[in-house]
Amino acid sequence: MNPDLAAPTRRPGVRWSRLVLWAAAAGLLWLVFLLYTRPGFLVMLVDQLWSCF
């Protein structure tokens, strides 16, 4: 068996794009967490939710 064919090949940009994607997801989760620590935001969110019913 040819060892060159057995080794997986990756493009150089895949690692960086995956890292950027994970960093963006972590940043978005952090922003959501910060919003939930504000009581005024939670009251507004519940009021909007209950106004739908």
PDB file of N, CA and C in Angstrom:
ATOM      1  N   MET A   1       0.852  -1.181   0.000  1.00  0.00           N
ATOM      2  CA  MET A   1       0.000   0.000   0.000  1.00  0.00           C
ATOM      3  C   MET A   1       0.891   1.235   0.000  1.00  0.00           C
ATOM      4  N   ASN A   2       0.486   2.204  -0.745  1.00  0.00           N
ATOM      5  CA  ASN A   2       1.238   3.441  -0.851  1.00  0.00           C
ATOM      6  C   ASN A   2       0.962   4.312   0.377  1.00  0.00           C
ATOM      7  N   PRO A   3       2.001   4.673   1.168  1.00  0.00           N
ATOM      8  CA  PRO A   3       1.764   5.472   2.379  1.00  0.00           C
ATOM      9  C   PRO A   3       1.228   6.872   2.091  1.00  0.00           C
ATOM     10  N   ASP A   4       1.488   7.396   0.895  1.00  0.00           N
ATOM     11  CA  ASP A   4       0.974   8.724   0.563  1.00  0.00           C
ATOM     12  C   ASP A   4      -0.548   8.720   0.421  1.00  0.00           C
ATOM     13  N   LEU A   5      -1.104   7.607  -0.013  1.00  0.00           N
ATOM     14  CA  LEU A   5      -2.549   7.528  -0.178  1.00  0.00           C
ATOM     15  C   LEU A   5      -3.260   7.278   1.144  1.00  0.00           C
ATOM     16  N   ALA A   6      -2.583   6.659   2.097  1.00  0.00           N
ATOM     17  CA  ALA A   6      -3.201   6.341   3.379  1.00  0.00           C
ATOM     18  C   ALA A   6      -3.290   7.565   4.286  1.00  0.00           C
ATOM     19  N   ALA A   7      -2.384   8.502   4.135  1.00  0.00           N
ATOM     20  CA  ALA A   7      -2.369   9.693   5.002  1.00  0.00           C
ATOM     21  C   ALA A   7      -3.434  10.683   4.522  1.00  0.00           C
ATOM     22  N   PRO A   8      -4.281  11.156   5.439  1.00  0.00           N
ATOM     23  CA  PRO A   8      -5.280  12.147   5.033  1.00  0.00           C
ATOM     24  C   PRO A   8      -4.621  13.479   4.710  1.00  0.00           C
ATOM     25  N   THR A   9      -5.120  14.111   3.699  1.00  0.00           N
ATOM     26  CA  THR A   9      -4.582  15.425   3.321  1.00  0.00           C
ATOM     27  C   THR A   9      -5.597  16.482   3.705  1.00  0.00           C
ATOM     28  N   ARG A  10      -5.103  17.560   4.236  1.00  0.00           N
ATOM     29  CA  ARG A  10      -5.959  18.681   4.629  1.00  0.00           C
ATOM     30  C   ARG A  10      -5.434  19.947   3.987  1.00  0.00           C
ATOM     31  N   ARG A  11      -6.369  20.806   3.682  1.00  0.00           N
ATOM     32  CA  ARG A  11      -5.970  22.104   3.162  1.00  0.00           C
ATOM     33  C   ARG A  11      -5.520  22.971   4.340  1.00  0.00           C
ATOM     34  N   PRO A  12      -4.546  23.851   4.136  1.00  0.00           N
ATOM     35  CA  PRO A  12      -4.051  24.683   5.244  1.00  0.00           C
ATOM     36  C   PRO A  12      -5.098  25.617   5.830  1.00  0.00           C
ATOM     37  N   GLY A  13      -6.044  26.075   5.051  1.00  0.00           N
ATOM     38  CA  GLY A  13      -7.030  27.028   5.531  1.00  0.00           C
ATOM     39  C   GLY A  13      -8.137  26.406   6.361  1.00  0.00           C
ATOM     40  N   VAL A  14      -8.251  25.088   6.333  1.00  0.00           N
ATOM     41  CA  VAL A  14      -9.335  24.427   7.057  1.00  0.00           C
ATOM     42  C   VAL A  14      -9.168  24.599   8.562  1.00  0.00           C
ATOM     43  N   ARG A  15      -7.941  24.486   9.038  1.00  0.00           N
ATOM     44  CA  ARG A  15      -7.692  24.621  10.479  1.00  0.00           C
ATOM     45  C   ARG A  15      -8.054  26.017  10.962  1.00  0.00           C
ATOM     46  N   TRP A  16      -7.664  27.041  10.216  1.00  0.00           N
ATOM     47  CA  TRP A  16      -7.945  28.416  10.641  1.00  0.00           C
ATOM     48  C   TRP A  16      -9.425  28.731  10.542  1.00  0.00           C
ATOM     49  N   SER A  17     -10.075  28.256   9.504  1.00  0.00           N
ATOM     50  CA  SER A  17     -11.499  28.550   9.383  1.00  0.00           C
ATOM     51  C   SER A  17     -12.287  27.841  10.483  1.00  0.00           C
ATOM     52  N   ARG A  18     -11.864  26.645  10.848  1.00  0.00           N
ATOM     53  CA  ARG A  18     -12.535  25.939  11.941  1.00  0.00           C
ATOM     54  C   ARG A  18     -12.296  26.663  13.270  1.00  0.00           C
ATOM     55  N   LEU A  19     -11.099  27.165  13.471  1.00  0.00           N
ATOM     56  CA  LEU A  19     -10.781  27.916  14.686  1.00  0.00           C
ATOM     57  C   LEU A  19     -11.598  29.207  14.756  1.00  0.00           C
ATOM     58  N   VAL A  20     -11.727  29.898  13.648  1.00  0.00           N
ATOM     59  CA  VAL A  20     -12.522  31.134  13.612  1.00  0.00           C
ATOM     60  C   VAL A  20     -13.989  30.825  13.877  1.00  0.00           C
ATOM     61  N   LEU A  21     -14.485  29.726  13.338  1.00  0.00           N
ATOM     62  CA  LEU A  21     -15.868  29.338  13.567  1.00  0.00           C
ATOM     63  C   LEU A  21     -16.126  29.035  15.036  1.00  0.00           C
ATOM     64  N   TRP A  22     -15.237  28.299  15.677  1.00  0.00           N
ATOM     65  CA  TRP A  22     -15.392  27.997  17.109  1.00  0.00           C
ATOM     66  C   TRP A  22     -15.285  29.257  17.956  1.00  0.00           C
ATOM     67  N   ALA A  23     -14.388  30.174  17.596  1.00  0.00           N
ATOM     68  CA  ALA A  23     -14.247  31.429  18.346  1.00  0.00           C
ATOM     69  C   ALA A  23     -15.503  32.281  18.204  1.00  0.00           C
ATOM     70  N   ALA A  24     -16.087  32.318  17.015  1.00  0.00           N
ATOM     71  CA  ALA A  24     -17.315  33.086  16.808  1.00  0.00           C
ATOM     72  C   ALA A  24     -18.470  32.480  17.603  1.00  0.00           C
ATOM     73  N   ALA A  25     -18.557  31.155  17.623  1.00  0.00           N
ATOM     74  CA  ALA A  25     -19.621  30.493  18.383  1.00  0.00           C
ATOM     75  C   ALA A  25     -19.456  30.751  19.878  1.00  0.00           C
ATOM     76  N   ALA A  26     -18.221  30.689  20.368  1.00  0.00           N
ATOM     77  CA  ALA A  26     -17.971  30.952  21.787  1.00  0.00           C
ATOM     78  C   ALA A  26     -18.294  32.410  22.127  1.00  0.00           C
ATOM     79  N   GLY A  27     -17.947  33.333  21.245  1.00  0.00           N
ATOM     80  CA  GLY A  27     -18.267  34.743  21.468  1.00  0.00           C
ATOM     81  C   GLY A  27     -19.761  34.996  21.492  1.00  0.00           C
ATOM     82  N   LEU A  28     -20.496  34.338  20.606  1.00  0.00           N
ATOM     83  CA  LEU A  28     -21.948  34.487  20.588  1.00  0.00           C
ATOM     84  C   LEU A  28     -22.567  33.930  21.870  1.00  0.00           C
ATOM     85  N   LEU A  29     -22.096  32.789  22.318  1.00  0.00           N
ATOM     86  CA  LEU A  29     -22.606  32.226  23.571  1.00  0.00           C
ATOM     87  C   LEU A  29     -22.285  33.133  24.757  1.00  0.00           C
ATOM     88  N   TRP A  30     -21.133  33.750  24.750  1.00  0.00           N
ATOM     89  CA  TRP A  30     -20.753  34.664  25.834  1.00  0.00           C
ATOM     90  C   TRP A  30     -21.675  35.894  25.848  1.00  0.00           C
ATOM     91  N   LEU A  31     -21.995  36.421  24.656  1.00  0.00           N
ATOM     92  CA  LEU A  31     -22.903  37.567  24.595  1.00  0.00           C
ATOM     93  C   LEU A  31     -24.299  37.208  25.088  1.00  0.00           C
ATOM     94  N   VAL A  32     -24.783  36.023  24.746  1.00  0.00           N
ATOM     95  CA  VAL A  32     -26.084  35.586  25.243  1.00  0.00           C
ATOM     96  C   VAL A  32     -26.052  35.456  26.759  1.00  0.00           C
ATOM     97  N   PHE A  33     -24.966  34.913  27.291  1.00  0.00           N
ATOM     98  CA  PHE A  33     -24.829  34.803  28.743  1.00  0.00           C
ATOM     99  C   PHE A  33     -24.849  36.177  29.398  1.00  0.00           C
ATOM    100  N   LEU A  34     -24.173  37.152  28.812  1.00  0.00           N
ATOM    101  CA  LEU A  34     -24.154  38.500  29.376  1.00  0.00           C
ATOM    102  C   LEU A  34     -25.545  39.126  29.354  1.00  0.00           C
ATOM    103  N   LEU A  35     -26.329  38.862  28.310  1.00  0.00           N
ATOM    104  CA  LEU A  35     -27.687  39.394  28.269  1.00  0.00           C
ATOM    105  C   LEU A  35     -28.556  38.790  29.363  1.00  0.00           C
ATOM    106  N   TYR A  36     -28.381  37.512  29.645  1.00  0.00           N
ATOM    107  CA  TYR A  36     -29.201  36.864  30.658  1.00  0.00           C
ATOM    108  C   TYR A  36     -28.821  37.280  32.077  1.00  0.00           C
ATOM    109  N   THR A  37     -27.666  37.883  32.261  1.00  0.00           N
ATOM    110  CA  THR A  37     -27.288  38.357  33.589  1.00  0.00           C
ATOM    111  C   THR A  37     -27.890  39.726  33.894  1.00  0.00           C
ATOM    112  N   ARG A  38     -28.542  40.329  32.908  1.00  0.00           N
ATOM    113  CA  ARG A  38     -29.190  41.626  33.117  1.00  0.00           C
ATOM    114  C   ARG A  38     -30.660  41.403  33.422  1.00  0.00           C
ATOM    115  N   PRO A  39     -31.122  41.733  34.620  1.00  0.00           N
ATOM    116  CA  PRO A  39     -32.520  41.476  34.983  1.00  0.00           C
ATOM    117  C   PRO A  39     -33.521  42.225  34.102  1.00  0.00           C
ATOM    118  N   GLY A  40     -33.199  43.420  33.693  1.00  0.00           N
ATOM    119  CA  GLY A  40     -34.108  44.186  32.848  1.00  0.00           C
ATOM    120  C   GLY A  40     -34.362  43.502  31.515  1.00  0.00           C
ATOM    121  N   PHE A  41     -33.336  42.884  30.968  1.00  0.00           N
ATOM    122  CA  PHE A  41     -33.487  42.164  29.714  1.00  0.00           C
ATOM    123  C   PHE A  41     -34.409  40.963  29.898  1.00  0.00           C
ATOM    124  N   LEU A  42     -34.256  40.267  30.997  1.00  0.00           N
ATOM    125  CA  LEU A  42     -35.106  39.099  31.250  1.00  0.00           C
ATOM    126  C   LEU A  42     -36.572  39.502  31.415  1.00  0.00           C
ATOM    127  N   VAL A  43     -36.830  40.609  32.112  1.00  0.00           N
ATOM    128  CA  VAL A  43     -38.205  41.076  32.296  1.00  0.00           C
ATOM    129  C   VAL A  43     -38.802  41.454  30.946  1.00  0.00           C
ATOM    130  N   MET A  44     -38.041  42.149  30.112  1.00  0.00           N
ATOM    131  CA  MET A  44     -38.525  42.535  28.797  1.00  0.00           C
ATOM    132  C   MET A  44     -38.792  41.292  27.937  1.00  0.00           C
ATOM    133  N   LEU A  45     -37.915  40.306  28.004  1.00  0.00           N
ATOM    134  CA  LEU A  45     -38.079  39.092  27.216  1.00  0.00           C
ATOM    135  C   LEU A  45     -39.338  38.326  27.640  1.00  0.00           C
ATOM    136  N   VAL A  46     -39.577  38.228  28.939  1.00  0.00           N
ATOM    137  CA  VAL A  46     -40.776  37.530  29.435  1.00  0.00           C
ATOM    138  C   VAL A  46     -42.029  38.302  29.058  1.00  0.00           C
ATOM    139  N   ASP A  47     -41.988  39.633  29.157  1.00  0.00           N
ATOM    140  CA  ASP A  47     -43.142  40.438  28.765  1.00  0.00           C
ATOM    141  C   ASP A  47     -43.476  40.255  27.286  1.00  0.00           C
ATOM    142  N   GLN A  48     -42.471  40.210  26.428  1.00  0.00           N
ATOM    143  CA  GLN A  48     -42.715  40.003  25.010  1.00  0.00           C
ATOM    144  C   GLN A  48     -43.234  38.599  24.744  1.00  0.00           C
ATOM    145  N   LEU A  49     -42.744  37.636  25.474  1.00  0.00           N
ATOM    146  CA  LEU A  49     -43.205  36.267  25.288  1.00  0.00           C
ATOM    147  C   LEU A  49     -44.673  36.126  25.691  1.00  0.00           C
ATOM    148  N   TRP A  50     -45.044  36.695  26.836  1.00  0.00           N
ATOM    149  CA  TRP A  50     -46.420  36.584  27.297  1.00  0.00           C
ATOM    150  C   TRP A  50     -47.389  37.420  26.474  1.00  0.00           C
ATOM    151  N   SER A  51     -46.911  38.464  25.808  1.00  0.00           N
ATOM    152  CA  SER A  51     -47.799  39.282  24.985  1.00  0.00           C
ATOM    153  C   SER A  51     -48.251  38.521  23.739  1.00  0.00           C
ATOM    154  N   CYS A  52     -47.556  37.456  23.393  1.00  0.00           N
ATOM    155  CA  CYS A  52     -47.963  36.643  22.234  1.00  0.00           C
ATOM    156  C   CYS A  52     -49.196  35.817  22.542  1.00  0.00           C
ATOM    157  N   PHE A  53     -49.500  35.592  23.817  1.00  0.00           N
ATOM    158  CA  PHE A  53     -50.631  34.723  24.189  1.00  0.00           C
ATOM    159  C   PHE A  53     -51.771  35.576  24.547  1.00  0.00           C
TER     160      PHE A  53
END
